[in-house]
Amino acid sequence: MHFAESGAFTGEISADMLLSIGVQTVIIGHSERRAYFGETDEILAKKVKTALAKNMRVMFCFGEELEDRKSENHFNVVAAQLKNGLFDLEAKAWKILF
């Protein structure tokens, strides 16, 4: 899902378009999107906020690369991903949507 309300973003789709076909849950932050498409914590935070604003459920992915684990930096990587991607949310955003 893309964070923009509308526009041409090849390979991505807006929340409204997903909702229009019945999609209510999005996966955000998958390691492949981070690695191959350069999705940063800032981009992922925007995506999370957009999805929640549209009352979508978010499956937020986080995790380290093998090199992070080998260098024993994996806890710092995961902590940063969670902090930067989710901790800026308002308290009401943490409700569970069913």
PDB file of N, CA and C in Angstrom:
ATOM      1  N   MET A   1       0.832  -1.179   0.000  1.00  0.00           N
ATOM      2  CA  MET A   1       0.000   0.000   0.000  1.00  0.00           C
ATOM      3  C   MET A   1       0.872   1.236   0.000  1.00  0.00           C
ATOM      4  N   HIS A   2       0.465   2.238  -0.734  1.00  0.00           N
ATOM      5  CA  HIS A   2       1.180   3.509  -0.738  1.00  0.00           C
ATOM      6  C   HIS A   2       0.505   4.460   0.231  1.00  0.00           C
ATOM      7  N   PHE A   3       1.264   5.409   0.797  1.00  0.00           N
ATOM      8  CA  PHE A   3       0.700   6.327   1.784  1.00  0.00           C
ATOM      9  C   PHE A   3      -0.059   7.497   1.173  1.00  0.00           C
ATOM     10  N   ALA A   4       0.127   7.782  -0.115  1.00  0.00           N
ATOM     11  CA  ALA A   4      -0.553   8.910  -0.760  1.00  0.00           C
ATOM     12  C   ALA A   4      -2.033   8.590  -0.972  1.00  0.00           C
ATOM     13  N   GLU A   5      -2.854   9.615  -0.873  1.00  0.00           N
ATOM     14  CA  GLU A   5      -4.296   9.447  -1.081  1.00  0.00           C
ATOM     15  C   GLU A   5      -4.612   8.996  -2.498  1.00  0.00           C
ATOM     16  N   SER A   6      -3.886   9.559  -3.475  1.00  0.00           N
ATOM     17  CA  SER A   6      -4.112   9.189  -4.862  1.00  0.00           C
ATOM     18  C   SER A   6      -2.858   9.524  -5.655  1.00  0.00           C
ATOM     19  N   GLY A   7      -2.841   9.105  -6.892  1.00  0.00           N
ATOM     20  CA  GLY A   7      -1.697   9.388  -7.743  1.00  0.00           C
ATOM     21  C   GLY A   7      -1.155   8.130  -8.374  1.00  0.00           C
ATOM     22  N   ALA A   8      -0.197   8.307  -9.255  1.00  0.00           N
ATOM     23  CA  ALA A   8       0.410   7.183  -9.960  1.00  0.00           C
ATOM     24  C   ALA A   8       1.701   6.775  -9.266  1.00  0.00           C
ATOM     25  N   PHE A   9       1.667   5.646  -8.599  1.00  0.00           N
ATOM     26  CA  PHE A   9       2.842   5.118  -7.906  1.00  0.00           C
ATOM     27  C   PHE A   9       3.009   3.681  -8.359  1.00  0.00           C
ATOM     28  N   THR A  10       3.681   3.510  -9.467  1.00  0.00           N
ATOM     29  CA  THR A  10       3.819   2.209 -10.109  1.00  0.00           C
ATOM     30  C   THR A  10       4.273   1.153  -9.118  1.00  0.00           C
ATOM     31  N   GLY A  11       3.532   0.053  -9.084  1.00  0.00           N
ATOM     32  CA  GLY A  11       3.877  -1.052  -8.201  1.00  0.00           C
ATOM     33  C   GLY A  11       3.245  -0.937  -6.830  1.00  0.00           C
ATOM     34  N   GLU A  12       2.557   0.146  -6.563  1.00  0.00           N
ATOM     35  CA  GLU A  12       1.902   0.332  -5.269  1.00  0.00           C
ATOM     36  C   GLU A  12       0.468   0.776  -5.511  1.00  0.00           C
ATOM     37  N   ILE A  13      -0.343   0.710  -4.474  1.00  0.00           N
ATOM     38  CA  ILE A  13      -1.760   1.023  -4.606  1.00  0.00           C
ATOM     39  C   ILE A  13      -2.202   1.810  -3.377  1.00  0.00           C
ATOM     40  N   SER A  14      -3.138   2.698  -3.561  1.00  0.00           N
ATOM     41  CA  SER A  14      -3.591   3.528  -2.444  1.00  0.00           C
ATOM     42  C   SER A  14      -4.511   2.740  -1.520  1.00  0.00           C
ATOM     43  N   ALA A  15      -4.648   3.230  -0.297  1.00  0.00           N
ATOM     44  CA  ALA A  15      -5.545   2.604   0.677  1.00  0.00           C
ATOM     45  C   ALA A  15      -6.974   2.590   0.156  1.00  0.00           C
ATOM     46  N   ASP A  16      -7.419   3.685  -0.443  1.00  0.00           N
ATOM     47  CA  ASP A  16      -8.787   3.754  -0.956  1.00  0.00           C
ATOM     48  C   ASP A  16      -9.042   2.700  -2.026  1.00  0.00           C
ATOM     49  N   MET A  17      -8.076   2.471  -2.892  1.00  0.00           N
ATOM     50  CA  MET A  17      -8.254   1.463  -3.937  1.00  0.00           C
ATOM     51  C   MET A  17      -8.316   0.069  -3.317  1.00  0.00           C
ATOM     52  N   LEU A  18      -7.492  -0.190  -2.323  1.00  0.00           N
ATOM     53  CA  LEU A  18      -7.539  -1.489  -1.640  1.00  0.00           C
ATOM     54  C   LEU A  18      -8.884  -1.692  -0.954  1.00  0.00           C
ATOM     55  N   LEU A  19      -9.343  -0.665  -0.262  1.00  0.00           N
ATOM     56  CA  LEU A  19     -10.638  -0.754   0.410  1.00  0.00           C
ATOM     57  C   LEU A  19     -11.771  -0.983  -0.577  1.00  0.00           C
ATOM     58  N   SER A  20     -11.654  -0.396  -1.761  1.00  0.00           N
ATOM     59  CA  SER A  20     -12.720  -0.529  -2.763  1.00  0.00           C
ATOM     60  C   SER A  20     -12.891  -1.960  -3.253  1.00  0.00           C
ATOM     61  N   ILE A  21     -11.885  -2.798  -3.088  1.00  0.00           N
ATOM     62  CA  ILE A  21     -12.006  -4.205  -3.488  1.00  0.00           C
ATOM     63  C   ILE A  21     -12.090  -5.129  -2.274  1.00  0.00           C
ATOM     64  N   GLY A  22     -12.321  -4.537  -1.100  1.00  0.00           N
ATOM     65  CA  GLY A  22     -12.565  -5.341   0.097  1.00  0.00           C
ATOM     66  C   GLY A  22     -11.359  -5.660   0.961  1.00  0.00           C
ATOM     67  N   VAL A  23     -10.198  -5.141   0.616  1.00  0.00           N
ATOM     68  CA  VAL A  23      -9.004  -5.391   1.426  1.00  0.00           C
ATOM     69  C   VAL A  23      -9.077  -4.519   2.676  1.00  0.00           C
ATOM     70  N   GLN A  24      -8.943  -5.149   3.842  1.00  0.00           N
ATOM     71  CA  GLN A  24      -9.011  -4.404   5.094  1.00  0.00           C
ATOM     72  C   GLN A  24      -7.741  -4.526   5.928  1.00  0.00           C
ATOM     73  N   THR A  25      -6.837  -5.393   5.516  1.00  0.00           N
ATOM     74  CA  THR A  25      -5.590  -5.601   6.241  1.00  0.00           C
ATOM     75  C   THR A  25      -4.420  -5.442   5.280  1.00  0.00           C
ATOM     76  N   VAL A  26      -3.391  -4.717   5.719  1.00  0.00           N
ATOM     77  CA  VAL A  26      -2.206  -4.528   4.888  1.00  0.00           C
ATOM     78  C   VAL A  26      -0.959  -4.970   5.642  1.00  0.00           C
ATOM     79  N   ILE A  27      -0.006  -5.484   4.900  1.00  0.00           N
ATOM     80  CA  ILE A  27       1.301  -5.843   5.441  1.00  0.00           C
ATOM     81  C   ILE A  27       2.231  -4.685   5.122  1.00  0.00           C
ATOM     82  N   ILE A  28       2.850  -4.133   6.147  1.00  0.00           N
ATOM     83  CA  ILE A  28       3.734  -2.975   5.978  1.00  0.00           C
ATOM     84  C   ILE A  28       5.075  -3.276   6.640  1.00  0.00           C
ATOM     85  N   GLY A  29       6.156  -2.996   5.923  1.00  0.00           N
ATOM     86  CA  GLY A  29       7.490  -3.125   6.495  1.00  0.00           C
ATOM     87  C   GLY A  29       8.188  -4.435   6.235  1.00  0.00           C
ATOM     88  N   HIS A  30       7.672  -5.235   5.314  1.00  0.00           N
ATOM     89  CA  HIS A  30       8.304  -6.529   5.035  1.00  0.00           C
ATOM     90  C   HIS A  30       9.768  -6.331   4.661  1.00  0.00           C
ATOM     91  N   SER A  31      10.591  -7.252   5.074  1.00  0.00           N
ATOM     92  CA  SER A  31      12.040  -7.121   4.863  1.00  0.00           C
ATOM     93  C   SER A  31      12.405  -6.966   3.388  1.00  0.00           C
ATOM     94  N   GLU A  32      11.671  -7.613   2.507  1.00  0.00           N
ATOM     95  CA  GLU A  32      11.965  -7.477   1.077  1.00  0.00           C
ATOM     96  C   GLU A  32      11.673  -6.072   0.592  1.00  0.00           C
ATOM     97  N   ARG A  33      10.607  -5.440   1.091  1.00  0.00           N
ATOM     98  CA  ARG A  33      10.305  -4.061   0.713  1.00  0.00           C
ATOM     99  C   ARG A  33      11.377  -3.120   1.251  1.00  0.00           C
ATOM    100  N   ARG A  34      11.853  -3.402   2.449  1.00  0.00           N
ATOM    101  CA  ARG A  34      12.921  -2.582   3.028  1.00  0.00           C
ATOM    102  C   ARG A  34      14.207  -2.737   2.217  1.00  0.00           C
ATOM    103  N   ALA A  35      14.547  -3.976   1.907  1.00  0.00           N
ATOM    104  CA  ALA A  35      15.825  -4.260   1.249  1.00  0.00           C
ATOM    105  C   ALA A  35      15.837  -3.907  -0.231  1.00  0.00           C
ATOM    106  N   TYR A  36      14.799  -4.302  -0.965  1.00  0.00           N
ATOM    107  CA  TYR A  36      14.814  -4.168  -2.419  1.00  0.00           C
ATOM    108  C   TYR A  36      14.204  -2.864  -2.935  1.00  0.00           C
ATOM    109  N   PHE A  37      13.345  -2.251  -2.136  1.00  0.00           N
ATOM    110  CA  PHE A  37      12.664  -1.046  -2.588  1.00  0.00           C
ATOM    111  C   PHE A  37      13.017   0.171  -1.745  1.00  0.00           C
ATOM    112  N   GLY A  38      13.944  -0.006  -0.808  1.00  0.00           N
ATOM    113  CA  GLY A  38      14.454   1.111  -0.029  1.00  0.00           C
ATOM    114  C   GLY A  38      13.448   1.757   0.905  1.00  0.00           C
ATOM    115  N   GLU A  39      12.456   0.994   1.353  1.00  0.00           N
ATOM    116  CA  GLU A  39      11.485   1.577   2.274  1.00  0.00           C
ATOM    117  C   GLU A  39      12.147   1.881   3.612  1.00  0.00           C
ATOM    118  N   THR A  40      12.104   3.125   3.981  1.00  0.00           N
ATOM    119  CA  THR A  40      12.724   3.579   5.222  1.00  0.00           C
ATOM    120  C   THR A  40      11.705   3.554   6.351  1.00  0.00           C
ATOM    121  N   ASP A  41      12.195   3.714   7.569  1.00  0.00           N
ATOM    122  CA  ASP A  41      11.299   3.806   8.717  1.00  0.00           C
ATOM    123  C   ASP A  41      10.329   4.970   8.552  1.00  0.00           C
ATOM    124  N   GLU A  42      10.791   6.065   7.971  1.00  0.00           N
ATOM    125  CA  GLU A  42       9.937   7.235   7.755  1.00  0.00           C
ATOM    126  C   GLU A  42       8.791   6.917   6.789  1.00  0.00           C
ATOM    127  N   ILE A  43       9.099   6.252   5.695  1.00  0.00           N
ATOM    128  CA  ILE A  43       8.072   5.851   4.733  1.00  0.00           C
ATOM    129  C   ILE A  43       7.084   4.889   5.386  1.00  0.00           C
ATOM    130  N   LEU A  44       7.601   3.934   6.140  1.00  0.00           N
ATOM    131  CA  LEU A  44       6.732   2.948   6.777  1.00  0.00           C
ATOM    132  C   LEU A  44       5.820   3.599   7.808  1.00  0.00           C
ATOM    133  N   ALA A  45       6.334   4.583   8.547  1.00  0.00           N
ATOM    134  CA  ALA A  45       5.499   5.304   9.517  1.00  0.00           C
ATOM    135  C   ALA A  45       4.345   6.006   8.801  1.00  0.00           C
ATOM    136  N   LYS A  46       4.613   6.584   7.632  1.00  0.00           N
ATOM    137  CA  LYS A  46       3.553   7.236   6.851  1.00  0.00           C
ATOM    138  C   LYS A  46       2.515   6.215   6.401  1.00  0.00           C
ATOM    139  N   LYS A  47       2.977   5.063   5.968  1.00  0.00           N
ATOM    140  CA  LYS A  47       2.064   4.019   5.520  1.00  0.00           C
ATOM    141  C   LYS A  47       1.185   3.539   6.670  1.00  0.00           C
ATOM    142  N   VAL A  48       1.780   3.340   7.835  1.00  0.00           N
ATOM    143  CA  VAL A  48       1.008   2.900   9.002  1.00  0.00           C
ATOM    144  C   VAL A  48      -0.058   3.934   9.344  1.00  0.00           C
ATOM    145  N   LYS A  49       0.321   5.200   9.399  1.00  0.00           N
ATOM    146  CA  LYS A  49      -0.638   6.267   9.734  1.00  0.00           C
ATOM    147  C   LYS A  49      -1.772   6.338   8.714  1.00  0.00           C
ATOM    148  N   THR A  50      -1.442   6.208   7.437  1.00  0.00           N
ATOM    149  CA  THR A  50      -2.467   6.244   6.401  1.00  0.00           C
ATOM    150  C   THR A  50      -3.426   5.069   6.552  1.00  0.00           C
ATOM    151  N   ALA A  51      -2.902   3.882   6.730  1.00  0.00           N
ATOM    152  CA  ALA A  51      -3.745   2.696   6.878  1.00  0.00           C
ATOM    153  C   ALA A  51      -4.665   2.827   8.089  1.00  0.00           C
ATOM    154  N   LEU A  52      -4.132   3.269   9.202  1.00  0.00           N
ATOM    155  CA  LEU A  52      -4.947   3.412  10.412  1.00  0.00           C
ATOM    156  C   LEU A  52      -5.995   4.498  10.247  1.00  0.00           C
ATOM    157  N   ALA A  53      -5.647   5.578   9.564  1.00  0.00           N
ATOM    158  CA  ALA A  53      -6.614   6.654   9.309  1.00  0.00           C
ATOM    159  C   ALA A  53      -7.777   6.156   8.460  1.00  0.00           C
ATOM    160  N   LYS A  54      -7.531   5.137   7.660  1.00  0.00           N
ATOM    161  CA  LYS A  54      -8.563   4.542   6.803  1.00  0.00           C
ATOM    162  C   LYS A  54      -9.228   3.342   7.480  1.00  0.00           C
ATOM    163  N   ASN A  55      -8.953   3.162   8.775  1.00  0.00           N
ATOM    164  CA  ASN A  55      -9.516   2.054   9.567  1.00  0.00           C
ATOM    165  C   ASN A  55      -9.130   0.684   9.036  1.00  0.00           C
ATOM    166  N   MET A  56      -7.924   0.584   8.513  1.00  0.00           N
ATOM    167  CA  MET A  56      -7.409  -0.697   8.053  1.00  0.00           C
ATOM    168  C   MET A  56      -6.590  -1.326   9.183  1.00  0.00           C
ATOM    169  N   ARG A  57      -6.520  -2.649   9.167  1.00  0.00           N
ATOM    170  CA  ARG A  57      -5.651  -3.359  10.110  1.00  0.00           C
ATOM    171  C   ARG A  57      -4.251  -3.389   9.516  1.00  0.00           C
ATOM    172  N   VAL A  58      -3.253  -3.278  10.383  1.00  0.00           N
ATOM    173  CA  VAL A  58      -1.863  -3.254   9.939  1.00  0.00           C
ATOM    174  C   VAL A  58      -1.112  -4.440  10.535  1.00  0.00           C
ATOM    175  N   MET A  59      -0.468  -5.189   9.667  1.00  0.00           N
ATOM    176  CA  MET A  59       0.501  -6.186  10.107  1.00  0.00           C
ATOM    177  C   MET A  59       1.860  -5.532   9.861  1.00  0.00           C
ATOM    178  N   PHE A  60       2.509  -5.096  10.946  1.00  0.00           N
ATOM    179  CA  PHE A  60       3.769  -4.371  10.825  1.00  0.00           C
ATOM    180  C   PHE A  60       4.923  -5.352  10.986  1.00  0.00           C
ATOM    181  N   CYS A  61       5.724  -5.477   9.951  1.00  0.00           N
ATOM    182  CA  CYS A  61       6.863  -6.393   9.959  1.00  0.00           C
ATOM    183  C   CYS A  61       8.113  -5.677  10.439  1.00  0.00           C
ATOM    184  N   PHE A  62       8.913  -6.384  11.186  1.00  0.00           N
ATOM    185  CA  PHE A  62      10.186  -5.847  11.635  1.00  0.00           C
ATOM    186  C   PHE A  62      11.157  -7.007  11.786  1.00  0.00           C
ATOM    187  N   GLY A  63      12.433  -6.700  11.723  1.00  0.00           N
ATOM    188  CA  GLY A  63      13.443  -7.746  11.884  1.00  0.00           C
ATOM    189  C   GLY A  63      14.773  -7.329  11.300  1.00  0.00           C
ATOM    190  N   GLU A  64      15.761  -8.050  11.723  1.00  0.00           N
ATOM    191  CA  GLU A  64      17.128  -7.713  11.342  1.00  0.00           C
ATOM    192  C   GLU A  64      17.598  -8.545  10.150  1.00  0.00           C
ATOM    193  N   GLU A  65      18.630  -8.057   9.511  1.00  0.00           N
ATOM    194  CA  GLU A  65      19.317  -8.806   8.456  1.00  0.00           C
ATOM    195  C   GLU A  65      20.345  -9.722   9.119  1.00  0.00           C
ATOM    196  N   LEU A  66      20.821 -10.712   8.381  1.00  0.00           N
ATOM    197  CA  LEU A  66      21.811 -11.644   8.911  1.00  0.00           C
ATOM    198  C   LEU A  66      23.063 -10.910   9.393  1.00  0.00           C
ATOM    199  N   GLU A  67      23.492  -9.904   8.636  1.00  0.00           N
ATOM    200  CA  GLU A  67      24.690  -9.144   9.023  1.00  0.00           C
ATOM    201  C   GLU A  67      24.492  -8.419  10.354  1.00  0.00           C
ATOM    202  N   ASP A  68      23.268  -7.942  10.610  1.00  0.00           N
ATOM    203  CA  ASP A  68      22.980  -7.295  11.894  1.00  0.00           C
ATOM    204  C   ASP A  68      23.130  -8.290  13.035  1.00  0.00           C
ATOM    205  N   ARG A  69      22.670  -9.511  12.821  1.00  0.00           N
ATOM    206  CA  ARG A  69      22.774 -10.533  13.858  1.00  0.00           C
ATOM    207  C   ARG A  69      24.234 -10.914  14.081  1.00  0.00           C
ATOM    208  N   LYS A  70      24.961 -11.081  12.986  1.00  0.00           N
ATOM    209  CA  LYS A  70      26.378 -11.457  13.110  1.00  0.00           C
ATOM    210  C   LYS A  70      27.182 -10.394  13.841  1.00  0.00           C
ATOM    211  N   SER A  71      26.837  -9.134  13.631  1.00  0.00           N
ATOM    212  CA  SER A  71      27.555  -8.047  14.294  1.00  0.00           C
ATOM    213  C   SER A  71      26.972  -7.723  15.675  1.00  0.00           C
ATOM    214  N   GLU A  72      26.003  -8.539  16.094  1.00  0.00           N
ATOM    215  CA  GLU A  72      25.336  -8.375  17.390  1.00  0.00           C
ATOM    216  C   GLU A  72      24.652  -7.010  17.525  1.00  0.00           C
ATOM    217  N   ASN A  73      24.162  -6.501  16.414  1.00  0.00           N
ATOM    218  CA  ASN A  73      23.463  -5.228  16.399  1.00  0.00           C
ATOM    219  C   ASN A  73      21.954  -5.427  16.213  1.00  0.00           C
ATOM    220  N   HIS A  74      21.507  -6.675  16.237  1.00  0.00           N
ATOM    221  CA  HIS A  74      20.125  -6.985  15.897  1.00  0.00           C
ATOM    222  C   HIS A  74      19.102  -6.356  16.841  1.00  0.00           C
ATOM    223  N   PHE A  75      19.385  -6.285  18.128  1.00  0.00           N
ATOM    224  CA  PHE A  75      18.429  -5.674  19.050  1.00  0.00           C
ATOM    225  C   PHE A  75      18.265  -4.181  18.765  1.00  0.00           C
ATOM    226  N   ASN A  76      19.355  -3.517  18.421  1.00  0.00           N
ATOM    227  CA  ASN A  76      19.284  -2.088  18.098  1.00  0.00           C
ATOM    228  C   ASN A  76      18.489  -1.849  16.819  1.00  0.00           C
ATOM    229  N   VAL A  77      18.670  -2.714  15.832  1.00  0.00           N
ATOM    230  CA  VAL A  77      17.954  -2.583  14.564  1.00  0.00           C
ATOM    231  C   VAL A  77      16.452  -2.739  14.783  1.00  0.00           C
ATOM    232  N   VAL A  78      16.070  -3.780  15.510  1.00  0.00           N
ATOM    233  CA  VAL A  78      14.654  -4.033  15.760  1.00  0.00           C
ATOM    234  C   VAL A  78      14.047  -2.907  16.603  1.00  0.00           C
ATOM    235  N   ALA A  79      14.743  -2.472  17.627  1.00  0.00           N
ATOM    236  CA  ALA A  79      14.246  -1.378  18.474  1.00  0.00           C
ATOM    237  C   ALA A  79      14.027  -0.110  17.648  1.00  0.00           C
ATOM    238  N   ALA A  80      14.953   0.197  16.767  1.00  0.00           N
ATOM    239  CA  ALA A  80      14.826   1.391  15.927  1.00  0.00           C
ATOM    240  C   ALA A  80      13.643   1.260  14.961  1.00  0.00           C
ATOM    241  N   GLN A  81      13.460   0.084  14.373  1.00  0.00           N
ATOM    242  CA  GLN A  81      12.344  -0.113  13.451  1.00  0.00           C
ATOM    243  C   GLN A  81      11.007   0.095  14.162  1.00  0.00           C
ATOM    244  N   LEU A  82      10.871  -0.443  15.355  1.00  0.00           N
ATOM    245  CA  LEU A  82       9.626  -0.288  16.113  1.00  0.00           C
ATOM    246  C   LEU A  82       9.428   1.157  16.559  1.00  0.00           C
ATOM    247  N   LYS A  83      10.475   1.755  17.083  1.00  0.00           N
ATOM    248  CA  LYS A  83      10.376   3.136  17.564  1.00  0.00           C
ATOM    249  C   LYS A  83      10.029   4.079  16.417  1.00  0.00           C
ATOM    250  N   ASN A  84      10.763   3.987  15.334  1.00  0.00           N
ATOM    251  CA  ASN A  84      10.576   4.911  14.213  1.00  0.00           C
ATOM    252  C   ASN A  84       9.293   4.654  13.429  1.00  0.00           C
ATOM    253  N   GLY A  85       8.833   3.414  13.414  1.00  0.00           N
ATOM    254  CA  GLY A  85       7.654   3.080  12.634  1.00  0.00           C
ATOM    255  C   GLY A  85       6.341   3.199  13.376  1.00  0.00           C
ATOM    256  N   LEU A  86       6.384   3.044  14.703  1.00  0.00           N
ATOM    257  CA  LEU A  86       5.133   2.964  15.450  1.00  0.00           C
ATOM    258  C   LEU A  86       4.990   3.920  16.623  1.00  0.00           C
ATOM    259  N   PHE A  87       6.084   4.326  17.239  1.00  0.00           N
ATOM    260  CA  PHE A  87       5.982   5.043  18.512  1.00  0.00           C
ATOM    261  C   PHE A  87       5.503   6.474  18.380  1.00  0.00           C
ATOM    262  N   ASP A  88       5.370   6.973  17.163  1.00  0.00           N
ATOM    263  CA  ASP A  88       4.868   8.327  16.951  1.00  0.00           C
ATOM    264  C   ASP A  88       3.336   8.351  16.856  1.00  0.00           C
ATOM    265  N   LEU A  89       2.729   7.183  16.940  1.00  0.00           N
ATOM    266  CA  LEU A  89       1.279   7.094  16.811  1.00  0.00           C
ATOM    267  C   LEU A  89       0.584   7.634  18.057  1.00  0.00           C
ATOM    268  N   GLU A  90      -0.574   8.223  17.857  1.00  0.00           N
ATOM    269  CA  GLU A  90      -1.388   8.665  18.982  1.00  0.00           C
ATOM    270  C   GLU A  90      -1.990   7.444  19.666  1.00  0.00           C
ATOM    271  N   ALA A  91      -2.347   7.588  20.934  1.00  0.00           N
ATOM    272  CA  ALA A  91      -2.869   6.483  21.731  1.00  0.00           C
ATOM    273  C   ALA A  91      -4.076   5.828  21.064  1.00  0.00           C
ATOM    274  N   LYS A  92      -4.963   6.609  20.451  1.00  0.00           N
ATOM    275  CA  LYS A  92      -6.171   6.050  19.835  1.00  0.00           C
ATOM    276  C   LYS A  92      -5.847   5.124  18.663  1.00  0.00           C
ATOM    277  N   ALA A  93      -4.661   5.258  18.079  1.00  0.00           N
ATOM    278  CA  ALA A  93      -4.264   4.417  16.954  1.00  0.00           C
ATOM    279  C   ALA A  93      -3.987   2.984  17.385  1.00  0.00           C
ATOM    280  N   TRP A  94      -3.804   2.747  18.658  1.00  0.00           N
ATOM    281  CA  TRP A  94      -3.454   1.419  19.153  1.00  0.00           C
ATOM    282  C   TRP A  94      -4.661   0.538  19.382  1.00  0.00           C
ATOM    283  N   LYS A  95      -5.864   1.015  19.106  1.00  0.00           N
ATOM    284  CA  LYS A  95      -7.042   0.167  19.274  1.00  0.00           C
ATOM    285  C   LYS A  95      -6.995  -0.957  18.244  1.00  0.00           C
ATOM    286  N   ILE A  96      -7.603  -2.052  18.601  1.00  0.00           N
ATOM    287  CA  ILE A  96      -7.643  -3.197  17.683  1.00  0.00           C
ATOM    288  C   ILE A  96      -8.932  -3.107  16.878  1.00  0.00           C
ATOM    289  N   LEU A  97      -8.799  -3.170  15.568  1.00  0.00           N
ATOM    290  CA  LEU A  97      -9.950  -3.092  14.670  1.00  0.00           C
ATOM    291  C   LEU A  97     -10.346  -4.498  14.225  1.00  0.00           C
ATOM    292  N   PHE A  98     -11.589  -4.827  14.390  1.00  0.00           N
ATOM    293  CA  PHE A  98     -12.094  -6.134  13.924  1.00  0.00           C
ATOM    294  C   PHE A  98     -13.245  -5.933  12.986  1.00  0.00           C
TER     295      PHE A  98
END
